[in-house]
């Protein structure tokens, strides 16, 4: 069983930066593809970024490319999402997810078997 716990959300001002964290528990999590999704009010859940077990620059969605960065620390079983230059439209519940595969299959939520409870990010203009 894999459990994911997000933290780091909160109320920020437009233009601010934030780091979201997702700590995972369970065997072999370090071998999984880890991702962040978000769900804005009244919108479908949206892919934000993903990173394979080996790390590296990750895959970032077009809507946040250049402002968001994903990274992971396998020793801590933790994945991070660095969000810079926040905009009001970035306000959402941000979810951490895990795909029990070693390669990135895509930003489709059905590929991800495990989900956290979400962390709220609110951006004031």
PDB file of N, CA and C in Angstrom:
ATOM      1  N   UNK A   1       0.839  -1.190   0.000  1.00  0.00           N
ATOM      2  CA  UNK A   1       0.000   0.000   0.000  1.00  0.00           C
ATOM      3  C   UNK A   1       0.874   1.241   0.000  1.00  0.00           C
ATOM      4  N   UNK A   2       0.514   2.201  -0.830  1.00  0.00           N
ATOM      5  CA  UNK A   2       1.264   3.449  -0.935  1.00  0.00           C
ATOM      6  C   UNK A   2       0.394   4.577  -0.404  1.00  0.00           C
ATOM      7  N   UNK A   3       0.981   5.385   0.434  1.00  0.00           N
ATOM      8  CA  UNK A   3       0.277   6.561   0.934  1.00  0.00           C
ATOM      9  C   UNK A   3       1.066   7.811   0.569  1.00  0.00           C
ATOM     10  N   UNK A   4       0.350   8.826   0.135  1.00  0.00           N
ATOM     11  CA  UNK A   4       0.966  10.079  -0.276  1.00  0.00           C
ATOM     12  C   UNK A   4       0.383  11.210   0.557  1.00  0.00           C
ATOM     13  N   UNK A   5       1.250  12.049   1.082  1.00  0.00           N
ATOM     14  CA  UNK A   5       0.796  13.165   1.913  1.00  0.00           C
ATOM     15  C   UNK A   5       1.435  14.445   1.394  1.00  0.00           C
ATOM     16  N   UNK A   6       0.582  15.361   0.943  1.00  0.00           N
ATOM     17  CA  UNK A   6       1.064  16.648   0.438  1.00  0.00           C
ATOM     18  C   UNK A   6       1.118  17.680   1.559  1.00  0.00           C
ATOM     19  N   UNK A   7       1.980  18.653   1.387  1.00  0.00           N
ATOM     20  CA  UNK A   7       2.058  19.779   2.314  1.00  0.00           C
ATOM     21  C   UNK A   7       2.628  20.981   1.576  1.00  0.00           C
ATOM     22  N   UNK A   8       2.514  22.146   2.191  1.00  0.00           N
ATOM     23  CA  UNK A   8       3.129  23.340   1.638  1.00  0.00           C
ATOM     24  C   UNK A   8       2.181  24.330   1.004  1.00  0.00           C
ATOM     25  N   UNK A   9       0.916  23.954   0.874  1.00  0.00           N
ATOM     26  CA  UNK A   9      -0.046  24.887   0.306  1.00  0.00           C
ATOM     27  C   UNK A   9      -0.356  26.020   1.269  1.00  0.00           C
ATOM     28  N   UNK A  10      -1.116  26.988   0.774  1.00  0.00           N
ATOM     29  CA  UNK A  10      -1.497  28.103   1.623  1.00  0.00           C
ATOM     30  C   UNK A  10      -1.963  29.281   0.807  1.00  0.00           C
ATOM     31  N   UNK A  11      -2.087  30.415   1.474  1.00  0.00           N
ATOM     32  CA  UNK A  11      -2.499  31.660   0.841  1.00  0.00           C
ATOM     33  C   UNK A  11      -1.265  32.488   0.519  1.00  0.00           C
ATOM     34  N   UNK A  12      -1.109  32.840  -0.731  1.00  0.00           N
ATOM     35  CA  UNK A  12       0.027  33.634  -1.174  1.00  0.00           C
ATOM     36  C   UNK A  12      -0.467  34.755  -2.074  1.00  0.00           C
ATOM     37  N   UNK A  13       0.420  35.697  -2.335  1.00  0.00           N
ATOM     38  CA  UNK A  13       0.081  36.792  -3.234  1.00  0.00           C
ATOM     39  C   UNK A  13       0.583  36.483  -4.634  1.00  0.00           C
ATOM     40  N   UNK A  14      -0.074  37.057  -5.616  1.00  0.00           N
ATOM     41  CA  UNK A  14       0.373  36.907  -6.998  1.00  0.00           C
ATOM     42  C   UNK A  14       1.826  37.359  -7.098  1.00  0.00           C
ATOM     43  N   UNK A  15       2.617  36.564  -7.816  1.00  0.00           N
ATOM     44  CA  UNK A  15       4.031  36.869  -7.967  1.00  0.00           C
ATOM     45  C   UNK A  15       4.921  36.143  -6.981  1.00  0.00           C
ATOM     46  N   UNK A  16       4.326  35.595  -5.934  1.00  0.00           N
ATOM     47  CA  UNK A  16       5.090  34.861  -4.922  1.00  0.00           C
ATOM     48  C   UNK A  16       5.485  33.483  -5.438  1.00  0.00           C
ATOM     49  N   UNK A  17       6.339  32.832  -4.644  1.00  0.00           N
ATOM     50  CA  UNK A  17       6.758  31.461  -4.925  1.00  0.00           C
ATOM     51  C   UNK A  17       6.359  30.561  -3.765  1.00  0.00           C
ATOM     52  N   UNK A  18       6.297  29.273  -4.069  1.00  0.00           N
ATOM     53  CA  UNK A  18       5.858  28.301  -3.072  1.00  0.00           C
ATOM     54  C   UNK A  18       6.506  26.970  -3.403  1.00  0.00           C
ATOM     55  N   UNK A  19       6.775  26.172  -2.387  1.00  0.00           N
ATOM     56  CA  UNK A  19       7.255  24.812  -2.617  1.00  0.00           C
ATOM     57  C   UNK A  19       6.279  23.829  -1.987  1.00  0.00           C
ATOM     58  N   UNK A  20       5.719  22.987  -2.819  1.00  0.00           N
ATOM     59  CA  UNK A  20       4.842  21.925  -2.350  1.00  0.00           C
ATOM     60  C   UNK A  20       5.666  20.652  -2.190  1.00  0.00           C
ATOM     61  N   UNK A  21       5.328  19.883  -1.163  1.00  0.00           N
ATOM     62  CA  UNK A  21       6.027  18.622  -0.911  1.00  0.00           C
ATOM     63  C   UNK A  21       5.030  17.481  -0.874  1.00  0.00           C
ATOM     64  N   UNK A  22       5.501  16.323  -1.273  1.00  0.00           N
ATOM     65  CA  UNK A  22       4.697  15.109  -1.209  1.00  0.00           C
ATOM     66  C   UNK A  22       5.594  14.009  -0.659  1.00  0.00           C
ATOM     67  N   UNK A  23       5.238  13.523   0.503  1.00  0.00           N
ATOM     68  CA  UNK A  23       6.004  12.446   1.113  1.00  0.00           C
ATOM     69  C   UNK A  23       5.254  11.140   0.928  1.00  0.00           C
ATOM     70  N   UNK A  24       5.969  10.152   0.430  1.00  0.00           N
ATOM     71  CA  UNK A  24       5.361   8.870   0.106  1.00  0.00           C
ATOM     72  C   UNK A  24       5.824   7.797   1.071  1.00  0.00           C
ATOM     73  N   UNK A  25       4.941   6.872   1.353  1.00  0.00           N
ATOM     74  CA  UNK A  25       5.320   5.702   2.145  1.00  0.00           C
ATOM     75  C   UNK A  25       4.889   4.463   1.386  1.00  0.00           C
ATOM     76  N   UNK A  26       5.641   3.398   1.574  1.00  0.00           N
ATOM     77  CA  UNK A  26       5.329   2.173   0.865  1.00  0.00           C
ATOM     78  C   UNK A  26       6.539   1.677   0.113  1.00  0.00           C
ATOM     79  N   UNK A  27       6.545   0.395  -0.135  1.00  0.00           N
ATOM     80  CA  UNK A  27       7.705  -0.208  -0.789  1.00  0.00           C
ATOM     81  C   UNK A  27       7.803   0.219  -2.249  1.00  0.00           C
ATOM     82  N   UNK A  28       9.017   0.372  -2.709  1.00  0.00           N
ATOM     83  CA  UNK A  28       9.327   0.607  -4.119  1.00  0.00           C
ATOM     84  C   UNK A  28       8.836   1.955  -4.649  1.00  0.00           C
ATOM     85  N   UNK A  29       8.404   2.836  -3.768  1.00  0.00           N
ATOM     86  CA  UNK A  29       7.925   4.133  -4.240  1.00  0.00           C
ATOM     87  C   UNK A  29       9.015   4.877  -4.993  1.00  0.00           C
ATOM     88  N   UNK A  30      10.251   4.675  -4.589  1.00  0.00           N
ATOM     89  CA  UNK A  30      11.352   5.366  -5.258  1.00  0.00           C
ATOM     90  C   UNK A  30      11.484   4.952  -6.716  1.00  0.00           C
ATOM     91  N   UNK A  31      10.867   3.829  -7.097  1.00  0.00           N
ATOM     92  CA  UNK A  31      10.928   3.366  -8.481  1.00  0.00           C
ATOM     93  C   UNK A  31       9.760   3.863  -9.322  1.00  0.00           C
ATOM     94  N   UNK A  32       8.807   4.541  -8.705  1.00  0.00           N
ATOM     95  CA  UNK A  32       7.592   4.954  -9.400  1.00  0.00           C
ATOM     96  C   UNK A  32       7.763   6.301 -10.079  1.00  0.00           C
ATOM     97  N   UNK A  33       6.949   6.524 -11.086  1.00  0.00           N
ATOM     98  CA  UNK A  33       6.795   7.862 -11.630  1.00  0.00           C
ATOM     99  C   UNK A  33       5.896   8.644 -10.668  1.00  0.00           C
ATOM    100  N   UNK A  34       6.351   9.826 -10.294  1.00  0.00           N
ATOM    101  CA  UNK A  34       5.583  10.675  -9.393  1.00  0.00           C
ATOM    102  C   UNK A  34       5.131  11.916 -10.152  1.00  0.00           C
ATOM    103  N   UNK A  35       3.953  12.397  -9.824  1.00  0.00           N
ATOM    104  CA  UNK A  35       3.400  13.522 -10.573  1.00  0.00           C
ATOM    105  C   UNK A  35       2.609  14.453  -9.669  1.00  0.00           C
ATOM    106  N   UNK A  36       2.397  15.616 -10.188  1.00  0.00           N
ATOM    107  CA  UNK A  36       1.493  16.596  -9.580  1.00  0.00           C
ATOM    108  C   UNK A  36       0.379  16.912 -10.574  1.00  0.00           C
ATOM    109  N   UNK A  37      -0.817  16.935 -10.057  1.00  0.00           N
ATOM    110  CA  UNK A  37      -1.984  17.393 -10.793  1.00  0.00           C
ATOM    111  C   UNK A  37      -2.596  18.542  -9.992  1.00  0.00           C
ATOM    112  N   UNK A  38      -3.491  19.273 -10.631  1.00  0.00           N
ATOM    113  CA  UNK A  38      -4.224  20.298  -9.891  1.00  0.00           C
ATOM    114  C   UNK A  38      -5.661  20.345 -10.398  1.00  0.00           C
ATOM    115  N   UNK A  39      -6.523  20.799  -9.529  1.00  0.00           N
ATOM    116  CA  UNK A  39      -7.916  20.965  -9.912  1.00  0.00           C
ATOM    117  C   UNK A  39      -8.369  22.345  -9.482  1.00  0.00           C
ATOM    118  N   UNK A  40      -8.623  23.171 -10.469  1.00  0.00           N
ATOM    119  CA  UNK A  40      -9.120  24.513 -10.205  1.00  0.00           C
ATOM    120  C   UNK A  40     -10.629  24.476 -10.062  1.00  0.00           C
ATOM    121  N   UNK A  41     -11.202  25.458  -9.389  1.00  0.00           N
ATOM    122  CA  UNK A  41     -12.663  25.454  -9.175  1.00  0.00           C
ATOM    123  C   UNK A  41     -13.423  25.359 -10.490  1.00  0.00           C
ATOM    124  N   UNK A  42     -14.318  24.409 -10.569  1.00  0.00           N
ATOM    125  CA  UNK A  42     -15.153  24.245 -11.749  1.00  0.00           C
ATOM    126  C   UNK A  42     -14.449  23.642 -12.947  1.00  0.00           C
ATOM    127  N   UNK A  43     -13.203  23.173 -12.759  1.00  0.00           N
ATOM    128  CA  UNK A  43     -12.437  22.625 -13.884  1.00  0.00           C
ATOM    129  C   UNK A  43     -12.110  21.155 -13.649  1.00  0.00           C
ATOM    130  N   UNK A  44     -11.724  20.492 -14.728  1.00  0.00           N
ATOM    131  CA  UNK A  44     -11.258  19.112 -14.647  1.00  0.00           C
ATOM    132  C   UNK A  44      -9.871  19.078 -13.994  1.00  0.00           C
ATOM    133  N   UNK A  45      -9.536  17.911 -13.438  1.00  0.00           N
ATOM    134  CA  UNK A  45      -8.189  17.744 -12.906  1.00  0.00           C
ATOM    135  C   UNK A  45      -7.183  17.843 -14.055  1.00  0.00           C
ATOM    136  N   UNK A  46      -6.097  18.552 -13.823  1.00  0.00           N
ATOM    137  CA  UNK A  46      -5.148  18.917 -14.874  1.00  0.00           C
ATOM    138  C   UNK A  46      -3.747  18.441 -14.518  1.00  0.00           C
ATOM    139  N   UNK A  47      -3.063  17.867 -15.473  1.00  0.00           N
ATOM    140  CA  UNK A  47      -1.668  17.454 -15.277  1.00  0.00           C
ATOM    141  C   UNK A  47      -0.785  18.690 -15.133  1.00  0.00           C
ATOM    142  N   UNK A  48       0.117  18.641 -14.146  1.00  0.00           N
ATOM    143  CA  UNK A  48       1.044  19.753 -13.925  1.00  0.00           C
ATOM    144  C   UNK A  48       2.480  19.343 -14.272  1.00  0.00           C
ATOM    145  N   UNK A  49       2.952  18.261 -13.665  1.00  0.00           N
ATOM    146  CA  UNK A  49       4.337  17.850 -13.886  1.00  0.00           C
ATOM    147  C   UNK A  49       4.524  16.422 -13.407  1.00  0.00           C
ATOM    148  N   UNK A  50       5.556  15.766 -13.933  1.00  0.00           N
ATOM    149  CA  UNK A  50       5.879  14.398 -13.531  1.00  0.00           C
ATOM    150  C   UNK A  50       7.386  14.209 -13.568  1.00  0.00           C
ATOM    151  N   UNK A  51       7.837  13.208 -12.820  1.00  0.00           N
ATOM    152  CA  UNK A  51       9.258  12.912 -12.782  1.00  0.00           C
ATOM    153  C   UNK A  51       9.443  11.411 -12.616  1.00  0.00           C
ATOM    154  N   UNK A  52      10.388  10.859 -13.356  1.00  0.00           N
ATOM    155  CA  UNK A  52      10.653   9.432 -13.269  1.00  0.00           C
ATOM    156  C   UNK A  52      11.555   9.127 -12.075  1.00  0.00           C
ATOM    157  N   UNK A  53      11.770   7.858 -11.826  1.00  0.00           N
ATOM    158  CA  UNK A  53      12.530   7.461 -10.645  1.00  0.00           C
ATOM    159  C   UNK A  53      13.953   7.988 -10.670  1.00  0.00           C
ATOM    160  N   UNK A  54      14.497   8.156 -11.859  1.00  0.00           N
ATOM    161  CA  UNK A  54      15.873   8.629 -11.981  1.00  0.00           C
ATOM    162  C   UNK A  54      16.034  10.116 -11.770  1.00  0.00           C
ATOM    163  N   UNK A  55      14.939  10.835 -11.658  1.00  0.00           N
ATOM    164  CA  UNK A  55      15.024  12.279 -11.449  1.00  0.00           C
ATOM    165  C   UNK A  55      15.180  13.009 -12.767  1.00  0.00           C
ATOM    166  N   UNK A  56      16.007  14.027 -12.764  1.00  0.00           N
ATOM    167  CA  UNK A  56      16.185  14.805 -13.981  1.00  0.00           C
ATOM    168  C   UNK A  56      15.214  15.965 -14.010  1.00  0.00           C
ATOM    169  N   UNK A  57      15.118  16.629 -15.137  1.00  0.00           N
ATOM    170  CA  UNK A  57      14.306  17.852 -15.213  1.00  0.00           C
ATOM    171  C   UNK A  57      12.818  17.597 -15.116  1.00  0.00           C
ATOM    172  N   UNK A  58      12.368  16.386 -15.393  1.00  0.00           N
ATOM    173  CA  UNK A  58      10.951  16.095 -15.314  1.00  0.00           C
ATOM    174  C   UNK A  58      10.196  16.566 -16.551  1.00  0.00           C
ATOM    175  N   UNK A  59       8.911  16.279 -16.537  1.00  0.00           N
ATOM    176  CA  UNK A  59       8.014  16.676 -17.629  1.00  0.00           C
ATOM    177  C   UNK A  59       7.038  17.673 -17.044  1.00  0.00           C
ATOM    178  N   UNK A  60       6.924  18.826 -17.676  1.00  0.00           N
ATOM    179  CA  UNK A  60       6.098  19.905 -17.142  1.00  0.00           C
ATOM    180  C   UNK A  60       5.020  20.257 -18.155  1.00  0.00           C
ATOM    181  N   UNK A  61       3.811  20.446 -17.668  1.00  0.00           N
ATOM    182  CA  UNK A  61       2.701  20.784 -18.537  1.00  0.00           C
ATOM    183  C   UNK A  61       2.868  22.153 -19.185  1.00  0.00           C
ATOM    184  N   UNK A  62       2.288  22.314 -20.336  1.00  0.00           N
ATOM    185  CA  UNK A  62       2.468  23.543 -21.110  1.00  0.00           C
ATOM    186  C   UNK A  62       1.961  24.765 -20.354  1.00  0.00           C
ATOM    187  N   UNK A  63       0.906  24.598 -19.577  1.00  0.00           N
ATOM    188  CA  UNK A  63       0.304  25.760 -18.920  1.00  0.00           C
ATOM    189  C   UNK A  63       1.182  26.347 -17.816  1.00  0.00           C
ATOM    190  N   UNK A  64       2.154  25.579 -17.347  1.00  0.00           N
ATOM    191  CA  UNK A  64       2.995  26.060 -16.250  1.00  0.00           C
ATOM    192  C   UNK A  64       4.473  26.007 -16.596  1.00  0.00           C
ATOM    193  N   UNK A  65       4.779  25.656 -17.807  1.00  0.00           N
ATOM    194  CA  UNK A  65       6.170  25.518 -18.214  1.00  0.00           C
ATOM    195  C   UNK A  65       6.903  26.849 -18.053  1.00  0.00           C
ATOM    196  N   UNK A  66       8.106  26.759 -17.503  1.00  0.00           N
ATOM    197  CA  UNK A  66       8.890  27.966 -17.283  1.00  0.00           C
ATOM    198  C   UNK A  66       8.688  28.560 -15.903  1.00  0.00           C
ATOM    199  N   UNK A  67       7.626  28.156 -15.209  1.00  0.00           N
ATOM    200  CA  UNK A  67       7.365  28.686 -13.860  1.00  0.00           C
ATOM    201  C   UNK A  67       7.397  27.591 -12.792  1.00  0.00           C
ATOM    202  N   UNK A  68       7.065  26.376 -13.163  1.00  0.00           N
ATOM    203  CA  UNK A  68       6.999  25.275 -12.204  1.00  0.00           C
ATOM    204  C   UNK A  68       8.139  24.296 -12.475  1.00  0.00           C
ATOM    205  N   UNK A  69       8.688  23.750 -11.404  1.00  0.00           N
ATOM    206  CA  UNK A  69       9.765  22.766 -11.511  1.00  0.00           C
ATOM    207  C   UNK A  69       9.464  21.604 -10.570  1.00  0.00           C
ATOM    208  N   UNK A  70       9.651  20.391 -11.059  1.00  0.00           N
ATOM    209  CA  UNK A  70       9.445  19.205 -10.231  1.00  0.00           C
ATOM    210  C   UNK A  70      10.799  18.571  -9.934  1.00  0.00           C
ATOM    211  N   UNK A  71      10.930  18.045  -8.724  1.00  0.00           N
ATOM    212  CA  UNK A  71      12.159  17.353  -8.343  1.00  0.00           C
ATOM    213  C   UNK A  71      11.799  16.281  -7.321  1.00  0.00           C
ATOM    214  N   UNK A  72      12.745  15.411  -7.036  1.00  0.00           N
ATOM    215  CA  UNK A  72      12.494  14.363  -6.051  1.00  0.00           C
ATOM    216  C   UNK A  72      13.764  14.037  -5.288  1.00  0.00           C
ATOM    217  N   UNK A  73      13.570  13.567  -4.076  1.00  0.00           N
ATOM    218  CA  UNK A  73      14.665  13.086  -3.231  1.00  0.00           C
ATOM    219  C   UNK A  73      14.268  11.677  -2.817  1.00  0.00           C
ATOM    220  N   UNK A  74      14.816  10.679  -3.505  1.00  0.00           N
ATOM    221  CA  UNK A  74      14.424   9.291  -3.242  1.00  0.00           C
ATOM    222  C   UNK A  74      14.833   8.842  -1.848  1.00  0.00           C
ATOM    223  N   UNK A  75      15.887   9.406  -1.313  1.00  0.00           N
ATOM    224  CA  UNK A  75      16.310   9.030   0.037  1.00  0.00           C
ATOM    225  C   UNK A  75      15.263   9.430   1.067  1.00  0.00           C
ATOM    226  N   UNK A  76      14.516  10.491   0.758  1.00  0.00           N
ATOM    227  CA  UNK A  76      13.468  10.966   1.657  1.00  0.00           C
ATOM    228  C   UNK A  76      12.077  10.571   1.185  1.00  0.00           C
ATOM    229  N   UNK A  77      12.008   9.843   0.060  1.00  0.00           N
ATOM    230  CA  UNK A  77      10.704   9.478  -0.524  1.00  0.00           C
ATOM    231  C   UNK A  77       9.804  10.701  -0.674  1.00  0.00           C
ATOM    232  N   UNK A  78      10.393  11.774  -1.139  1.00  0.00           N
ATOM    233  CA  UNK A  78       9.671  13.038  -1.226  1.00  0.00           C
ATOM    234  C   UNK A  78       9.811  13.635  -2.620  1.00  0.00           C
ATOM    235  N   UNK A  79       8.708  14.163  -3.116  1.00  0.00           N
ATOM    236  CA  UNK A  79       8.671  14.853  -4.392  1.00  0.00           C
ATOM    237  C   UNK A  79       8.285  16.303  -4.114  1.00  0.00           C
ATOM    238  N   UNK A  80       8.907  17.200  -4.848  1.00  0.00           N
ATOM    239  CA  UNK A  80       8.668  18.625  -4.647  1.00  0.00           C
ATOM    240  C   UNK A  80       8.117  19.267  -5.919  1.00  0.00           C
ATOM    241  N   UNK A  81       7.335  20.278  -5.726  1.00  0.00           N
ATOM    242  CA  UNK A  81       6.901  21.116  -6.845  1.00  0.00           C
ATOM    243  C   UNK A  81       7.212  22.554  -6.464  1.00  0.00           C
ATOM    244  N   UNK A  82       8.177  23.124  -7.147  1.00  0.00           N
ATOM    245  CA  UNK A  82       8.529  24.524  -6.939  1.00  0.00           C
ATOM    246  C   UNK A  82       7.678  25.352  -7.888  1.00  0.00           C
ATOM    247  N   UNK A  83       6.897  26.244  -7.325  1.00  0.00           N
ATOM    248  CA  UNK A  83       6.016  27.059  -8.142  1.00  0.00           C
ATOM    249  C   UNK A  83       6.427  28.518  -7.984  1.00  0.00           C
ATOM    250  N   UNK A  84       6.756  29.124  -9.093  1.00  0.00           N
ATOM    251  CA  UNK A  84       7.240  30.501  -9.095  1.00  0.00           C
ATOM    252  C   UNK A  84       6.264  31.422  -9.822  1.00  0.00           C
ATOM    253  N   UNK A  85       6.380  32.699  -9.505  1.00  0.00           N
ATOM    254  CA  UNK A  85       5.582  33.732 -10.164  1.00  0.00           C
ATOM    255  C   UNK A  85       4.112  33.313 -10.232  1.00  0.00           C
ATOM    256  N   UNK A  86       3.558  33.022  -9.076  1.00  0.00           N
ATOM    257  CA  UNK A  86       2.188  32.532  -9.021  1.00  0.00           C
ATOM    258  C   UNK A  86       1.206  33.549  -9.572  1.00  0.00           C
ATOM    259  N   UNK A  87       0.213  33.041 -10.266  1.00  0.00           N
ATOM    260  CA  UNK A  87      -0.859  33.840 -10.842  1.00  0.00           C
ATOM    261  C   UNK A  87      -2.180  33.455 -10.184  1.00  0.00           C
ATOM    262  N   UNK A  88      -3.161  34.344 -10.199  1.00  0.00           N
ATOM    263  CA  UNK A  88      -4.458  33.975  -9.624  1.00  0.00           C
ATOM    264  C   UNK A  88      -5.026  32.690 -10.221  1.00  0.00           C
ATOM    265  N   UNK A  89      -4.763  32.453 -11.494  1.00  0.00           N
ATOM    266  CA  UNK A  89      -5.291  31.241 -12.141  1.00  0.00           C
ATOM    267  C   UNK A  89      -4.568  29.966 -11.714  1.00  0.00           C
ATOM    268  N   UNK A  90      -3.505  30.095 -10.916  1.00  0.00           N
ATOM    269  CA  UNK A  90      -2.841  28.914 -10.364  1.00  0.00           C
ATOM    270  C   UNK A  90      -3.529  28.410  -9.103  1.00  0.00           C
ATOM    271  N   UNK A  91      -4.472  29.169  -8.603  1.00  0.00           N
ATOM    272  CA  UNK A  91      -5.203  28.751  -7.406  1.00  0.00           C
ATOM    273  C   UNK A  91      -5.940  27.449  -7.685  1.00  0.00           C
ATOM    274  N   UNK A  92      -5.704  26.461  -6.843  1.00  0.00           N
ATOM    275  CA  UNK A  92      -6.256  25.123  -7.084  1.00  0.00           C
ATOM    276  C   UNK A  92      -5.929  24.229  -5.891  1.00  0.00           C
ATOM    277  N   UNK A  93      -6.519  23.064  -5.905  1.00  0.00           N
ATOM    278  CA  UNK A  93      -6.055  21.993  -5.022  1.00  0.00           C
ATOM    279  C   UNK A  93      -5.011  21.207  -5.801  1.00  0.00           C
ATOM    280  N   UNK A  94      -3.843  21.079  -5.231  1.00  0.00           N
ATOM    281  CA  UNK A  94      -2.746  20.376  -5.879  1.00  0.00           C
ATOM    282  C   UNK A  94      -2.631  18.972  -5.282  1.00  0.00           C
ATOM    283  N   UNK A  95      -2.615  17.983  -6.181  1.00  0.00           N
ATOM    284  CA  UNK A  95      -2.569  16.586  -5.776  1.00  0.00           C
ATOM    285  C   UNK A  95      -1.264  15.940  -6.216  1.00  0.00           C
ATOM    286  N   UNK A  96      -0.738  15.111  -5.348  1.00  0.00           N
ATOM    287  CA  UNK A  96       0.400  14.271  -5.672  1.00  0.00           C
ATOM    288  C   UNK A  96      -0.136  12.903  -6.103  1.00  0.00           C
ATOM    289  N   UNK A  97       0.521  12.289  -7.076  1.00  0.00           N
ATOM    290  CA  UNK A  97       0.070  10.996  -7.571  1.00  0.00           C
ATOM    291  C   UNK A  97       1.267  10.122  -7.918  1.00  0.00           C
ATOM    292  N   UNK A  98       1.056   8.817  -7.867  1.00  0.00           N
ATOM    293  CA  UNK A  98       2.127   7.864  -8.167  1.00  0.00           C
ATOM    294  C   UNK A  98       1.654   6.836  -9.183  1.00  0.00           C
ATOM    295  N   UNK A  99       2.473   6.625 -10.193  1.00  0.00           N
ATOM    296  CA  UNK A  99       2.241   5.598 -11.210  1.00  0.00           C
ATOM    297  C   UNK A  99       3.276   4.509 -10.987  1.00  0.00           C
ATOM    298  N   UNK A 100       2.845   3.288 -10.687  1.00  0.00           N
ATOM    299  CA  UNK A 100       3.819   2.218 -10.392  1.00  0.00           C
ATOM    300  C   UNK A 100       4.525   1.702 -11.627  1.00  0.00           C
ATOM    301  N   UNK A 101       5.120   2.598 -12.365  1.00  0.00           N
ATOM    302  CA  UNK A 101       5.933   2.280 -13.529  1.00  0.00           C
ATOM    303  C   UNK A 101       7.218   3.089 -13.454  1.00  0.00           C
ATOM    304  N   UNK A 102       8.214   2.635 -14.181  1.00  0.00           N
ATOM    305  CA  UNK A 102       9.493   3.348 -14.127  1.00  0.00           C
ATOM    306  C   UNK A 102       9.609   4.366 -15.254  1.00  0.00           C
ATOM    307  N   UNK A 103       8.664   4.311 -16.245  1.00  0.00           N
ATOM    308  CA  UNK A 103       8.743   5.254 -17.344  1.00  0.00           C
ATOM    309  C   UNK A 103       7.462   6.090 -17.388  1.00  0.00           C
ATOM    310  N   UNK A 104       7.593   7.294 -17.928  1.00  0.00           N
ATOM    311  CA  UNK A 104       6.468   8.229 -17.998  1.00  0.00           C
ATOM    312  C   UNK A 104       5.516   7.810 -19.105  1.00  0.00           C
ATOM    313  N   UNK A 105       4.271   7.527 -18.757  1.00  0.00           N
ATOM    314  CA  UNK A 105       3.292   7.070 -19.738  1.00  0.00           C
ATOM    315  C   UNK A 105       2.416   8.208 -20.242  1.00  0.00           C
ATOM    316  N   UNK A 106       2.431   9.316 -19.535  1.00  0.00           N
ATOM    317  CA  UNK A 106       1.605  10.441 -19.951  1.00  0.00           C
ATOM    318  C   UNK A 106       0.941  11.091 -18.764  1.00  0.00           C
ATOM    319  N   UNK A 107       0.380  12.265 -19.009  1.00  0.00           N
ATOM    320  CA  UNK A 107      -0.254  13.010 -17.932  1.00  0.00           C
ATOM    321  C   UNK A 107      -1.730  12.703 -17.793  1.00  0.00           C
ATOM    322  N   UNK A 108      -2.084  11.453 -17.894  1.00  0.00           N
ATOM    323  CA  UNK A 108      -3.488  11.065 -17.782  1.00  0.00           C
ATOM    324  C   UNK A 108      -3.732  10.480 -16.400  1.00  0.00           C
ATOM    325  N   UNK A 109      -4.719  11.000 -15.720  1.00  0.00           N
ATOM    326  CA  UNK A 109      -4.918  10.623 -14.324  1.00  0.00           C
ATOM    327  C   UNK A 109      -5.188   9.133 -14.158  1.00  0.00           C
ATOM    328  N   UNK A 110      -5.730   8.476 -15.182  1.00  0.00           N
ATOM    329  CA  UNK A 110      -6.046   7.052 -15.037  1.00  0.00           C
ATOM    330  C   UNK A 110      -4.807   6.180 -14.925  1.00  0.00           C
ATOM    331  N   UNK A 111      -3.648   6.702 -15.272  1.00  0.00           N
ATOM    332  CA  UNK A 111      -2.409   5.931 -15.149  1.00  0.00           C
ATOM    333  C   UNK A 111      -1.880   5.898 -13.720  1.00  0.00           C
ATOM    334  N   UNK A 112      -2.385   6.777 -12.887  1.00  0.00           N
ATOM    335  CA  UNK A 112      -1.834   6.945 -11.551  1.00  0.00           C
ATOM    336  C   UNK A 112      -2.731   6.231 -10.538  1.00  0.00           C
ATOM    337  N   UNK A 113      -2.154   5.254  -9.891  1.00  0.00           N
ATOM    338  CA  UNK A 113      -2.925   4.400  -8.989  1.00  0.00           C
ATOM    339  C   UNK A 113      -3.096   4.978  -7.595  1.00  0.00           C
ATOM    340  N   UNK A 114      -2.172   5.845  -7.208  1.00  0.00           N
ATOM    341  CA  UNK A 114      -2.169   6.338  -5.832  1.00  0.00           C
ATOM    342  C   UNK A 114      -2.244   7.861  -5.839  1.00  0.00           C
ATOM    343  N   UNK A 115      -3.032   8.377  -4.906  1.00  0.00           N
ATOM    344  CA  UNK A 115      -3.265   9.817  -4.822  1.00  0.00           C
ATOM    345  C   UNK A 115      -3.199  10.295  -3.382  1.00  0.00           C
ATOM    346  N   UNK A 116      -2.716  11.513  -3.214  1.00  0.00           N
ATOM    347  CA  UNK A 116      -2.778  12.148  -1.921  1.00  0.00           C
ATOM    348  C   UNK A 116      -4.119  12.840  -1.740  1.00  0.00           C
ATOM    349  N   UNK A 117      -4.266  13.463  -0.594  1.00  0.00           N
ATOM    350  CA  UNK A 117      -5.543  14.113  -0.275  1.00  0.00           C
ATOM    351  C   UNK A 117      -5.629  15.536  -0.828  1.00  0.00           C
ATOM    352  N   UNK A 118      -4.506  16.054  -1.275  1.00  0.00           N
ATOM    353  CA  UNK A 118      -4.490  17.383  -1.878  1.00  0.00           C
ATOM    354  C   UNK A 118      -4.098  18.475  -0.898  1.00  0.00           C
ATOM    355  N   UNK A 119      -3.517  19.530  -1.444  1.00  0.00           N
ATOM    356  CA  UNK A 119      -3.181  20.699  -0.643  1.00  0.00           C
ATOM    357  C   UNK A 119      -3.660  21.941  -1.398  1.00  0.00           C
ATOM    358  N   UNK A 120      -4.318  22.820  -0.700  1.00  0.00           N
ATOM    359  CA  UNK A 120      -4.942  23.990  -1.321  1.00  0.00           C
ATOM    360  C   UNK A 120      -3.929  25.116  -1.496  1.00  0.00           C
ATOM    361  N   UNK A 121      -3.903  25.679  -2.682  1.00  0.00           N
ATOM    362  CA  UNK A 121      -3.106  26.876  -2.944  1.00  0.00           C
ATOM    363  C   UNK A 121      -4.081  27.982  -3.345  1.00  0.00           C
ATOM    364  N   UNK A 122      -4.053  29.064  -2.613  1.00  0.00           N
ATOM    365  CA  UNK A 122      -4.911  30.211  -2.898  1.00  0.00           C
ATOM    366  C   UNK A 122      -4.015  31.393  -3.231  1.00  0.00           C
ATOM    367  N   UNK A 123      -4.325  32.076  -4.319  1.00  0.00           N
ATOM    368  CA  UNK A 123      -3.491  33.184  -4.775  1.00  0.00           C
ATOM    369  C   UNK A 123      -4.330  34.460  -4.786  1.00  0.00           C
ATOM    370  N   UNK A 124      -3.903  35.434  -4.035  1.00  0.00           N
ATOM    371  CA  UNK A 124      -4.604  36.717  -4.024  1.00  0.00           C
ATOM    372  C   UNK A 124      -3.934  37.675  -5.004  1.00  0.00           C
ATOM    373  N   UNK A 125      -4.764  38.446  -5.677  1.00  0.00           N
ATOM    374  CA  UNK A 125      -4.225  39.378  -6.688  1.00  0.00           C
ATOM    375  C   UNK A 125      -3.972  40.756  -6.095  1.00  0.00           C
TER     376      UNK A 125
END
